[in-house]
PDB file of N, CA and C in Angstrom:
ATOM      1  N   MET A   1      -6.404  52.191   7.892  1.00  0.00           N
ATOM      2  CA  MET A   1      -6.244  50.752   7.682  1.00  0.00           C
ATOM      3  C   MET A   1      -6.922  49.658   7.994  1.00  0.00           C
ATOM      4  N   GLN A   2      -6.799  49.249   6.615  1.00  0.00           N
ATOM      5  CA  GLN A   2      -8.423  47.769   6.532  1.00  0.00           C
ATOM      6  C   GLN A   2      -7.484  46.200   7.450  1.00  0.00           C
ATOM      7  N   LYS A   3      -7.954  45.715   8.163  1.00  0.00           N
ATOM      8  CA  LYS A   3      -7.520  44.875   9.347  1.00  0.00           C
ATOM      9  C   LYS A   3      -7.455  43.530   8.262  1.00  0.00           C
ATOM     10  N   LYS A   4      -7.124  42.645   8.699  1.00  0.00           N
ATOM     11  CA  LYS A   4      -6.630  41.478   7.317  1.00  0.00           C
ATOM     12  C   LYS A   4      -7.904  40.485   8.259  1.00  0.00           C
ATOM     13  N   MET A   5      -8.157  39.739   6.594  1.00  0.00           N
ATOM     14  CA  MET A   5      -9.577  38.723   7.360  1.00  0.00           C
ATOM     15  C   MET A   5      -8.705  37.703   6.442  1.00  0.00           C
ATOM     16  N   ASN A   6      -8.857  36.252   7.340  1.00  0.00           N
ATOM     17  CA  ASN A   6      -8.677  34.930   6.472  1.00  0.00           C
ATOM     18  C   ASN A   6      -9.452  34.754   5.766  1.00  0.00           C
ATOM     19  N   ILE A   7     -10.795  35.169   5.735  1.00  0.00           N
ATOM     20  CA  ILE A   7     -12.045  34.780   4.359  1.00  0.00           C
ATOM     21  C   ILE A   7     -11.814  35.800   3.076  1.00  0.00           C
ATOM     22  N   LYS A   8     -11.742  35.633   1.874  1.00  0.00           N
ATOM     23  CA  LYS A   8     -11.902  36.271   0.596  1.00  0.00           C
ATOM     24  C   LYS A   8     -12.791  35.155  -0.068  1.00  0.00           C
ATOM     25  N   LYS A   9     -13.714  36.162  -0.449  1.00  0.00           N
ATOM     26  CA  LYS A   9     -14.981  36.006  -1.296  1.00  0.00           C
ATOM     27  C   LYS A   9     -14.216  35.088  -3.038  1.00  0.00           C
ATOM     28  N   GLY A  10     -15.177  33.507  -2.520  1.00  0.00           N
ATOM     29  CA  GLY A  10     -14.342  32.203  -3.963  1.00  0.00           C
ATOM     30  C   GLY A  10     -14.311  31.451  -2.536  1.00  0.00           C
ATOM     31  N   ASP A  11     -14.378  31.790  -1.504  1.00  0.00           N
ATOM     32  CA  ASP A  11     -13.393  30.864  -0.264  1.00  0.00           C
ATOM     33  C   ASP A  11     -14.533  29.659  -0.193  1.00  0.00           C
ATOM     34  N   THR A  12     -14.646  28.194   0.209  1.00  0.00           N
ATOM     35  CA  THR A  12     -15.394  27.895   0.480  1.00  0.00           C
ATOM     36  C   THR A  12     -14.931  27.614   2.129  1.00  0.00           C
ATOM     37  N   VAL A  13     -15.920  27.420   3.154  1.00  0.00           N
ATOM     38  CA  VAL A  13     -16.371  27.664   3.706  1.00  0.00           C
ATOM     39  C   VAL A  13     -17.535  26.325   4.761  1.00  0.00           C
ATOM     40  N   LEU A  14     -16.850  26.135   6.365  1.00  0.00           N
ATOM     41  CA  LEU A  14     -17.990  25.748   7.174  1.00  0.00           C
ATOM     42  C   LEU A  14     -18.488  26.534   8.017  1.00  0.00           C
ATOM     43  N   VAL A  15     -20.098  26.339   7.758  1.00  0.00           N
ATOM     44  CA  VAL A  15     -19.748  27.003   9.986  1.00  0.00           C
ATOM     45  C   VAL A  15     -19.796  26.255  10.925  1.00  0.00           C
ATOM     46  N   ILE A  16     -19.181  26.790  11.858  1.00  0.00           N
ATOM     47  CA  ILE A  16     -19.171  25.944  12.842  1.00  0.00           C
ATOM     48  C   ILE A  16     -19.530  26.545  14.614  1.00  0.00           C
ATOM     49  N   ALA A  17     -20.724  27.344  13.938  1.00  0.00           N
ATOM     50  CA  ALA A  17     -21.399  27.999  15.217  1.00  0.00           C
ATOM     51  C   ALA A  17     -22.741  28.778  14.609  1.00  0.00           C
ATOM     52  N   GLY A  18     -23.896  28.574  15.696  1.00  0.00           N
ATOM     53  CA  GLY A  18     -24.856  28.824  14.751  1.00  0.00           C
ATOM     54  C   GLY A  18     -26.192  28.172  14.515  1.00  0.00           C
ATOM     55  N   ASN A  19     -27.222  29.348  13.913  1.00  0.00           N
ATOM     56  CA  ASN A  19     -28.534  28.422  13.548  1.00  0.00           C
ATOM     57  C   ASN A  19     -28.371  27.140  12.349  1.00  0.00           C
ATOM     58  N   SER A  20     -26.926  27.968  11.665  1.00  0.00           N
ATOM     59  CA  SER A  20     -26.948  26.793  10.317  1.00  0.00           C
ATOM     60  C   SER A  20     -24.999  26.449  11.203  1.00  0.00           C
ATOM     61  N   LYS A  21     -25.288  26.100  11.908  1.00  0.00           N
ATOM     62  CA  LYS A  21     -24.207  24.803  11.845  1.00  0.00           C
ATOM     63  C   LYS A  21     -23.877  23.848  10.953  1.00  0.00           C
ATOM     64  N   GLY A  22     -22.741  22.875  10.276  1.00  0.00           N
ATOM     65  CA  GLY A  22     -22.786  22.611  10.217  1.00  0.00           C
ATOM     66  C   GLY A  22     -22.713  22.489   8.378  1.00  0.00           C
ATOM     67  N   GLN A  23     -23.477  23.525   7.892  1.00  0.00           N
ATOM     68  CA  GLN A  23     -23.188  23.736   6.584  1.00  0.00           C
ATOM     69  C   GLN A  23     -22.344  24.074   6.072  1.00  0.00           C
ATOM     70  N   GLN A  24     -21.757  24.149   4.945  1.00  0.00           N
ATOM     71  CA  GLN A  24     -20.940  24.514   4.109  1.00  0.00           C
ATOM     72  C   GLN A  24     -21.221  25.324   2.425  1.00  0.00           C
ATOM     73  N   GLY A  25     -20.221  26.724   2.130  1.00  0.00           N
ATOM     74  CA  GLY A  25     -21.033  27.142   1.079  1.00  0.00           C
ATOM     75  C   GLY A  25     -19.952  27.162   0.387  1.00  0.00           C
ATOM     76  N   ARG A  26     -19.826  28.769  -0.511  1.00  0.00           N
ATOM     77  CA  ARG A  26     -18.995  29.489  -0.848  1.00  0.00           C
ATOM     78  C   ARG A  26     -19.346  31.577  -0.405  1.00  0.00           C
ATOM     79  N   VAL A  27     -18.246  31.608  -0.949  1.00  0.00           N
ATOM     80  CA  VAL A  27     -18.328  33.074   0.053  1.00  0.00           C
ATOM     81  C   VAL A  27     -18.707  33.742  -1.258  1.00  0.00           C
ATOM     82  N   LEU A  28     -19.563  34.152  -0.911  1.00  0.00           N
ATOM     83  CA  LEU A  28     -20.102  35.460  -1.877  1.00  0.00           C
ATOM     84  C   LEU A  28     -19.798  36.877  -1.949  1.00  0.00           C
ATOM     85  N   GLU A  29     -19.955  37.548  -0.501  1.00  0.00           N
ATOM     86  CA  GLU A  29     -19.134  38.372  -0.421  1.00  0.00           C
ATOM     87  C   GLU A  29     -19.146  39.061   1.454  1.00  0.00           C
ATOM     88  N   VAL A  30     -17.694  39.887   0.869  1.00  0.00           N
ATOM     89  CA  VAL A  30     -16.792  39.708   2.941  1.00  0.00           C
ATOM     90  C   VAL A  30     -17.317  41.660   2.958  1.00  0.00           C
ATOM     91  N   ILE A  31     -18.161  41.501   4.584  1.00  0.00           N
ATOM     92  CA  ILE A  31     -18.336  43.060   4.551  1.00  0.00           C
ATOM     93  C   ILE A  31     -17.408  43.347   5.816  1.00  0.00           C
ATOM     94  N   ARG A  32     -15.923  43.576   5.051  1.00  0.00           N
ATOM     95  CA  ARG A  32     -15.164  43.558   5.936  1.00  0.00           C
ATOM     96  C   ARG A  32     -15.600  44.605   7.583  1.00  0.00           C
ATOM     97  N   LYS A  33     -15.972  45.614   7.040  1.00  0.00           N
ATOM     98  CA  LYS A  33     -16.242  46.967   8.145  1.00  0.00           C
ATOM     99  C   LYS A  33     -16.795  46.190   9.530  1.00  0.00           C
ATOM    100  N   LYS A  34     -18.309  45.450   9.006  1.00  0.00           N
ATOM    101  CA  LYS A  34     -18.751  44.397  10.118  1.00  0.00           C
ATOM    102  C   LYS A  34     -18.200  43.657  10.802  1.00  0.00           C
ATOM    103  N   ASP A  35     -17.246  42.640  10.270  1.00  0.00           N
ATOM    104  CA  ASP A  35     -16.260  41.212  10.557  1.00  0.00           C
ATOM    105  C   ASP A  35     -17.690  40.355   9.705  1.00  0.00           C
ATOM    106  N   ARG A  36     -18.244  39.805   8.676  1.00  0.00           N
ATOM    107  CA  ARG A  36     -19.097  39.509   8.663  1.00  0.00           C
ATOM    108  C   ARG A  36     -18.982  38.942   6.785  1.00  0.00           C
ATOM    109  N   ALA A  37     -19.635  37.618   6.440  1.00  0.00           N
ATOM    110  CA  ALA A  37     -19.576  37.430   5.521  1.00  0.00           C
ATOM    111  C   ALA A  37     -20.756  36.922   5.098  1.00  0.00           C
ATOM    112  N   ILE A  38     -21.165  36.992   3.874  1.00  0.00           N
ATOM    113  CA  ILE A  38     -21.784  36.266   3.188  1.00  0.00           C
ATOM    114  C   ILE A  38     -21.870  34.510   2.562  1.00  0.00           C
ATOM    115  N   VAL A  39     -22.700  34.308   2.590  1.00  0.00           N
ATOM    116  CA  VAL A  39     -22.029  32.466   2.389  1.00  0.00           C
ATOM    117  C   VAL A  39     -23.633  32.186   1.422  1.00  0.00           C
ATOM    118  N   GLU A  40     -23.133  31.616   0.563  1.00  0.00           N
ATOM    119  CA  GLU A  40     -24.295  30.855  -0.470  1.00  0.00           C
ATOM    120  C   GLU A  40     -24.782  29.716   0.341  1.00  0.00           C
ATOM    121  N   GLY A  41     -26.310  29.430   0.437  1.00  0.00           N
ATOM    122  CA  GLY A  41     -27.053  29.007   1.085  1.00  0.00           C
ATOM    123  C   GLY A  41     -26.987  28.968   2.482  1.00  0.00           C
ATOM    124  N   VAL A  42     -26.546  29.863   2.880  1.00  0.00           N
ATOM    125  CA  VAL A  42     -26.914  29.680   4.559  1.00  0.00           C
ATOM    126  C   VAL A  42     -26.500  30.735   5.258  1.00  0.00           C
ATOM    127  N   ASN A  43     -27.868  30.666   6.370  1.00  0.00           N
ATOM    128  CA  ASN A  43     -28.350  32.025   6.776  1.00  0.00           C
ATOM    129  C   ASN A  43     -29.515  32.711   6.620  1.00  0.00           C
ATOM    130  N   MET A  44     -30.060  31.352   5.634  1.00  0.00           N
ATOM    131  CA  MET A  44     -31.018  31.934   4.837  1.00  0.00           C
ATOM    132  C   MET A  44     -32.071  33.287   5.645  1.00  0.00           C
ATOM    133  N   LEU A  45     -32.716  34.044   5.333  1.00  0.00           N
ATOM    134  CA  LEU A  45     -33.410  35.100   5.243  1.00  0.00           C
ATOM    135  C   LEU A  45     -34.665  35.081   4.668  1.00  0.00           C
ATOM    136  N   SER A  46     -36.017  35.365   5.325  1.00  0.00           N
ATOM    137  CA  SER A  46     -36.710  35.529   4.254  1.00  0.00           C
ATOM    138  C   SER A  46     -37.528  37.425   4.202  1.00  0.00           C
ATOM    139  N   LYS A  47     -37.322  38.180   3.042  1.00  0.00           N
ATOM    140  CA  LYS A  47     -37.491  39.146   2.965  1.00  0.00           C
ATOM    141  C   LYS A  47     -39.279  39.510   1.748  1.00  0.00           C
ATOM    142  N   HIS A  48     -39.868  39.963   3.001  1.00  0.00           N
ATOM    143  CA  HIS A  48     -41.120  40.237   2.042  1.00  0.00           C
ATOM    144  C   HIS A  48     -41.154  41.521   1.178  1.00  0.00           C
ATOM    145  N   THR A  49     -41.102  41.428  -0.134  1.00  0.00           N
ATOM    146  CA  THR A  49     -41.744  42.770  -0.861  1.00  0.00           C
ATOM    147  C   THR A  49     -42.991  42.939  -1.230  1.00  0.00           C
ATOM    148  N   LYS A  50     -42.837  44.054  -1.964  1.00  0.00           N
ATOM    149  CA  LYS A  50     -44.065  44.509  -2.662  1.00  0.00           C
ATOM    150  C   LYS A  50     -43.676  44.622  -3.960  1.00  0.00           C
ATOM    151  N   ALA A  51     -44.975  43.879  -4.535  1.00  0.00           N
ATOM    152  CA  ALA A  51     -44.798  44.489  -6.463  1.00  0.00           C
ATOM    153  C   ALA A  51     -44.481  45.749  -6.617  1.00  0.00           C
ATOM    154  N   ASP A  52     -43.701  45.360  -8.052  1.00  0.00           N
ATOM    155  CA  ASP A  52     -43.313  46.171  -8.294  1.00  0.00           C
ATOM    156  C   ASP A  52     -43.126  45.661 -10.042  1.00  0.00           C
ATOM    157  N   LYS A  53     -41.931  46.744 -10.980  1.00  0.00           N
ATOM    158  CA  LYS A  53     -41.679  46.477 -11.929  1.00  0.00           C
ATOM    159  C   LYS A  53     -40.940  45.675 -12.260  1.00  0.00           C
ATOM    160  N   ASN A  54     -40.226  44.751 -11.387  1.00  0.00           N
ATOM    161  CA  ASN A  54     -38.617  44.155 -11.408  1.00  0.00           C
ATOM    162  C   ASN A  54     -39.360  42.595 -10.888  1.00  0.00           C
ATOM    163  N   ALA A  55     -40.402  42.680 -10.196  1.00  0.00           N
ATOM    164  CA  ALA A  55     -41.186  41.957  -9.572  1.00  0.00           C
ATOM    165  C   ALA A  55     -42.525  41.682  -9.491  1.00  0.00           C
ATOM    166  N   PRO A  56     -43.204  41.782 -10.364  1.00  0.00           N
ATOM    167  CA  PRO A  56     -44.763  42.140 -10.641  1.00  0.00           C
ATOM    168  C   PRO A  56     -45.463  41.183  -9.623  1.00  0.00           C
ATOM    169  N   GLN A  57     -44.777  39.734  -9.391  1.00  0.00           N
ATOM    170  CA  GLN A  57     -45.904  38.916  -8.343  1.00  0.00           C
ATOM    171  C   GLN A  57     -45.444  39.362  -7.226  1.00  0.00           C
ATOM    172  N   GLY A  58     -43.744  40.396  -6.260  1.00  0.00           N
ATOM    173  CA  GLY A  58     -44.384  40.061  -5.510  1.00  0.00           C
ATOM    174  C   GLY A  58     -43.979  38.946  -4.134  1.00  0.00           C
ATOM    175  N   GLY A  59     -44.025  38.863  -2.786  1.00  0.00           N
ATOM    176  CA  GLY A  59     -44.108  38.221  -2.047  1.00  0.00           C
ATOM    177  C   GLY A  59     -43.362  38.131  -0.980  1.00  0.00           C
ATOM    178  N   ILE A  60     -42.371  36.740  -0.883  1.00  0.00           N
ATOM    179  CA  ILE A  60     -41.604  36.659  -0.327  1.00  0.00           C
ATOM    180  C   ILE A  60     -40.521  35.911  -0.838  1.00  0.00           C
ATOM    181  N   ILE A  61     -39.279  36.465  -0.416  1.00  0.00           N
ATOM    182  CA  ILE A  61     -37.925  36.264  -1.531  1.00  0.00           C
ATOM    183  C   ILE A  61     -37.001  35.485  -0.161  1.00  0.00           C
ATOM    184  N   LYS A  62     -36.400  34.421  -0.633  1.00  0.00           N
ATOM    185  CA  LYS A  62     -35.628  33.919   0.424  1.00  0.00           C
ATOM    186  C   LYS A  62     -33.923  34.688  -0.154  1.00  0.00           C
ATOM    187  N   LYS A  63     -33.728  34.983   0.868  1.00  0.00           N
ATOM    188  CA  LYS A  63     -31.934  35.849   0.776  1.00  0.00           C
ATOM    189  C   LYS A  63     -31.027  35.518   1.308  1.00  0.00           C
ATOM    190  N   GLU A  64     -29.595  35.161   1.512  1.00  0.00           N
ATOM    191  CA  GLU A  64     -28.549  34.917   2.499  1.00  0.00           C
ATOM    192  C   GLU A  64     -28.116  35.562   3.142  1.00  0.00           C
ATOM    193  N   GLY A  65     -28.080  35.977   4.759  1.00  0.00           N
ATOM    194  CA  GLY A  65     -27.796  36.927   5.323  1.00  0.00           C
ATOM    195  C   GLY A  65     -26.558  36.540   5.406  1.00  0.00           C
ATOM    196  N   PRO A  66     -26.050  38.213   6.525  1.00  0.00           N
ATOM    197  CA  PRO A  66     -24.481  37.975   7.274  1.00  0.00           C
ATOM    198  C   PRO A  66     -24.319  37.484   7.827  1.00  0.00           C
ATOM    199  N   ILE A  67     -22.952  36.397   8.132  1.00  0.00           N
ATOM    200  CA  ILE A  67     -22.938  35.360   9.100  1.00  0.00           C
ATOM    201  C   ILE A  67     -21.533  36.433   9.687  1.00  0.00           C
ATOM    202  N   HIS A  68     -21.429  35.803  10.867  1.00  0.00           N
ATOM    203  CA  HIS A  68     -19.946  36.931  11.435  1.00  0.00           C
ATOM    204  C   HIS A  68     -19.090  35.486  11.098  1.00  0.00           C
ATOM    205  N   VAL A  69     -17.712  36.369  10.894  1.00  0.00           N
ATOM    206  CA  VAL A  69     -16.392  35.277  10.626  1.00  0.00           C
ATOM    207  C   VAL A  69     -15.650  34.174  11.499  1.00  0.00           C
ATOM    208  N   SER A  70     -15.705  34.979  12.382  1.00  0.00           N
ATOM    209  CA  SER A  70     -15.978  34.188  13.936  1.00  0.00           C
ATOM    210  C   SER A  70     -16.577  33.029  13.897  1.00  0.00           C
ATOM    211  N   ASN A  71     -17.387  32.900  12.814  1.00  0.00           N
ATOM    212  CA  ASN A  71     -18.470  31.330  13.182  1.00  0.00           C
ATOM    213  C   ASN A  71     -18.478  30.764  11.676  1.00  0.00           C
ATOM    214  N   LEU A  72     -16.745  31.022  11.280  1.00  0.00           N
ATOM    215  CA  LEU A  72     -16.426  30.063   9.500  1.00  0.00           C
ATOM    216  C   LEU A  72     -14.720  29.590   9.895  1.00  0.00           C
ATOM    217  N   MET A  73     -14.936  28.584   9.060  1.00  0.00           N
ATOM    218  CA  MET A  73     -14.043  27.912   9.139  1.00  0.00           C
ATOM    219  C   MET A  73     -13.455  27.638   7.770  1.00  0.00           C
ATOM    220  N   HIS A  74     -12.213  28.077   7.307  1.00  0.00           N
ATOM    221  CA  HIS A  74     -11.798  28.089   5.937  1.00  0.00           C
ATOM    222  C   HIS A  74     -11.983  26.135   6.092  1.00  0.00           C
ATOM    223  N   LEU A  75     -12.337  25.726   4.220  1.00  0.00           N
ATOM    224  CA  LEU A  75     -12.208  23.644   4.633  1.00  0.00           C
ATOM    225  C   LEU A  75     -10.891  23.513   3.282  1.00  0.00           C
ATOM    226  N   ASP A  76     -10.032  22.779   4.091  1.00  0.00           N
ATOM    227  CA  ASP A  76      -9.089  22.597   3.388  1.00  0.00           C
ATOM    228  C   ASP A  76      -9.225  21.914   1.270  1.00  0.00           C
ATOM    229  N   PRO A  77      -7.953  22.691   0.547  1.00  0.00           N
ATOM    230  CA  PRO A  77      -8.732  22.259  -0.766  1.00  0.00           C
ATOM    231  C   PRO A  77      -7.739  20.561  -0.564  1.00  0.00           C
ATOM    232  N   THR A  78      -7.602  20.235   0.046  1.00  0.00           N
ATOM    233  CA  THR A  78      -6.977  18.481  -0.702  1.00  0.00           C
ATOM    234  C   THR A  78      -8.323  17.800   0.093  1.00  0.00           C
ATOM    235  N   SER A  79      -8.437  17.867   1.708  1.00  0.00           N
ATOM    236  CA  SER A  79      -9.189  16.470   2.120  1.00  0.00           C
ATOM    237  C   SER A  79     -10.727  17.312   2.618  1.00  0.00           C
ATOM    238  N   GLY A  80     -11.091  18.494   2.318  1.00  0.00           N
ATOM    239  CA  GLY A  80     -12.772  19.199   2.069  1.00  0.00           C
ATOM    240  C   GLY A  80     -12.909  18.906   3.693  1.00  0.00           C
ATOM    241  N   LYS A  81     -11.939  18.892   5.157  1.00  0.00           N
ATOM    242  CA  LYS A  81     -12.125  18.961   6.025  1.00  0.00           C
ATOM    243  C   LYS A  81     -11.369  20.834   7.026  1.00  0.00           C
ATOM    244  N   PRO A  82     -12.025  21.526   7.791  1.00  0.00           N
ATOM    245  CA  PRO A  82     -12.254  22.373   8.269  1.00  0.00           C
ATOM    246  C   PRO A  82     -10.576  22.680   8.276  1.00  0.00           C
ATOM    247  N   THR A  83     -10.037  23.553   8.337  1.00  0.00           N
ATOM    248  CA  THR A  83      -8.421  23.909   8.993  1.00  0.00           C
ATOM    249  C   THR A  83      -7.767  25.591   9.306  1.00  0.00           C
ATOM    250  N   ARG A  84      -6.998  25.915   9.866  1.00  0.00           N
ATOM    251  CA  ARG A  84      -6.483  27.395  10.247  1.00  0.00           C
ATOM    252  C   ARG A  84      -6.089  27.601   8.987  1.00  0.00           C
ATOM    253  N   ILE A  85      -5.832  29.165   8.950  1.00  0.00           N
ATOM    254  CA  ILE A  85      -5.161  29.190   7.286  1.00  0.00           C
ATOM    255  C   ILE A  85      -3.934  30.630   8.139  1.00  0.00           C
ATOM    256  N   GLY A  86      -2.583  30.287   7.374  1.00  0.00           N
ATOM    257  CA  GLY A  86      -1.344  30.592   7.742  1.00  0.00           C
ATOM    258  C   GLY A  86      -0.703  31.181   6.477  1.00  0.00           C
ATOM    259  N   ARG A  87      -0.150  32.435   6.436  1.00  0.00           N
ATOM    260  CA  ARG A  87       0.563  32.837   5.415  1.00  0.00           C
ATOM    261  C   ARG A  87       2.101  33.250   5.788  1.00  0.00           C
ATOM    262  N   ARG A  88       2.918  32.238   4.551  1.00  0.00           N
ATOM    263  CA  ARG A  88       3.617  32.644   4.247  1.00  0.00           C
ATOM    264  C   ARG A  88       4.203  33.429   2.999  1.00  0.00           C
ATOM    265  N   LEU A  89       5.406  33.431   2.826  1.00  0.00           N
ATOM    266  CA  LEU A  89       6.115  34.162   1.448  1.00  0.00           C
ATOM    267  C   LEU A  89       6.385  32.546   0.861  1.00  0.00           C
ATOM    268  N   ASP A  90       6.436  33.194  -0.860  1.00  0.00           N
ATOM    269  CA  ASP A  90       6.464  31.792  -1.641  1.00  0.00           C
ATOM    270  C   ASP A  90       7.611  32.324  -1.634  1.00  0.00           C
ATOM    271  N   ASP A  91       8.152  31.260  -3.315  1.00  0.00           N
ATOM    272  CA  ASP A  91       9.521  31.164  -3.675  1.00  0.00           C
ATOM    273  C   ASP A  91       9.935  32.532  -4.185  1.00  0.00           C
ATOM    274  N   LYS A  92       8.488  33.408  -4.573  1.00  0.00           N
ATOM    275  CA  LYS A  92       8.865  34.560  -6.039  1.00  0.00           C
ATOM    276  C   LYS A  92       8.797  35.923  -4.225  1.00  0.00           C
ATOM    277  N   GLY A  93       8.713  35.561  -2.878  1.00  0.00           N
ATOM    278  CA  GLY A  93       8.642  36.575  -2.638  1.00  0.00           C
ATOM    279  C   GLY A  93       7.059  37.364  -2.250  1.00  0.00           C
ATOM    280  N   LYS A  94       6.030  36.647  -2.172  1.00  0.00           N
ATOM    281  CA  LYS A  94       4.771  37.179  -2.574  1.00  0.00           C
ATOM    282  C   LYS A  94       3.992  36.156  -1.112  1.00  0.00           C
ATOM    283  N   LEU A  95       3.668  36.738  -0.605  1.00  0.00           N
ATOM    284  CA  LEU A  95       2.814  36.545   0.570  1.00  0.00           C
ATOM    285  C   LEU A  95       1.628  36.004  -0.289  1.00  0.00           C
ATOM    286  N   VAL A  96       1.678  34.504   0.616  1.00  0.00           N
ATOM    287  CA  VAL A  96       0.531  33.284   0.590  1.00  0.00           C
ATOM    288  C   VAL A  96      -0.572  33.734   0.979  1.00  0.00           C
ATOM    289  N   ARG A  97      -1.673  32.863   1.294  1.00  0.00           N
ATOM    290  CA  ARG A  97      -2.358  31.429   2.395  1.00  0.00           C
ATOM    291  C   ARG A  97      -2.027  30.437   2.202  1.00  0.00           C
ATOM    292  N   TYR A  98      -2.384  29.789   3.531  1.00  0.00           N
ATOM    293  CA  TYR A  98      -2.021  27.796   3.223  1.00  0.00           C
ATOM    294  C   TYR A  98      -3.274  27.541   4.428  1.00  0.00           C
ATOM    295  N   ALA A  99      -3.340  26.671   3.898  1.00  0.00           N
ATOM    296  CA  ALA A  99      -4.018  25.242   4.473  1.00  0.00           C
ATOM    297  C   ALA A  99      -3.017  24.899   6.434  1.00  0.00           C
ATOM    298  N   LYS A 100      -3.067  25.417   7.662  1.00  0.00           N
ATOM    299  CA  LYS A 100      -2.743  25.031   8.064  1.00  0.00           C
ATOM    300  C   LYS A 100      -2.376  23.161   8.591  1.00  0.00           C
ATOM    301  N   LYS A 101      -3.406  22.494   8.146  1.00  0.00           N
ATOM    302  CA  LYS A 101      -3.828  20.890   7.803  1.00  0.00           C
ATOM    303  C   LYS A 101      -3.216  20.088   7.189  1.00  0.00           C
ATOM    304  N   SER A 102      -2.778  20.606   5.735  1.00  0.00           N
ATOM    305  CA  SER A 102      -2.196  20.220   4.688  1.00  0.00           C
ATOM    306  C   SER A 102      -0.612  20.903   4.177  1.00  0.00           C
ATOM    307  N   GLY A 103      -0.953  22.238   4.690  1.00  0.00           N
ATOM    308  CA  GLY A 103       0.381  22.673   4.080  1.00  0.00           C
ATOM    309  C   GLY A 103      -0.241  23.440   2.739  1.00  0.00           C
ATOM    310  N   GLU A 104      -1.238  22.765   1.952  1.00  0.00           N
ATOM    311  CA  GLU A 104      -1.586  23.618   0.824  1.00  0.00           C
ATOM    312  C   GLU A 104      -1.805  24.732   0.452  1.00  0.00           C
ATOM    313  N   GLU A 105      -1.236  25.670  -0.505  1.00  0.00           N
ATOM    314  CA  GLU A 105      -1.810  26.820  -1.210  1.00  0.00           C
ATOM    315  C   GLU A 105      -2.461  27.222  -1.630  1.00  0.00           C
ATOM    316  N   ILE A 106      -3.502  28.360  -1.067  1.00  0.00           N
ATOM    317  CA  ILE A 106      -4.911  28.458  -1.092  1.00  0.00           C
ATOM    318  C   ILE A 106      -5.116  29.282  -2.120  1.00  0.00           C
ATOM    319  N   LYS A 107      -5.647  28.886  -2.995  1.00  0.00           N
ATOM    320  CA  LYS A 107      -6.163  29.931  -4.272  1.00  0.00           C
ATOM    321  C   LYS A 107      -6.705  31.173  -4.227  1.00  0.00           C
TER     322      LYS A 107
END
């Protein structure tokens, strides 16, 4: 069984530790096995590529690298400030995520 993660694809997060501290972006991918996420515009890596039919020029390509989820904090949908995530049952009996700061449900 996979462990529960507070961060999902499409969430807006803030980096709270590491070289990219203070940057924010949208989560593009979550790697559950390694507890890491790839965030848009954060932790940019330079990848050297040879010329081929897809990239006839070759050269250096900038690409997002994975960052550990412990270094990410979800942004509150109302205020835009960092917040923790909780889980609760909604009126239909379904488990939903919510921002602990504002109590707002996270879609």
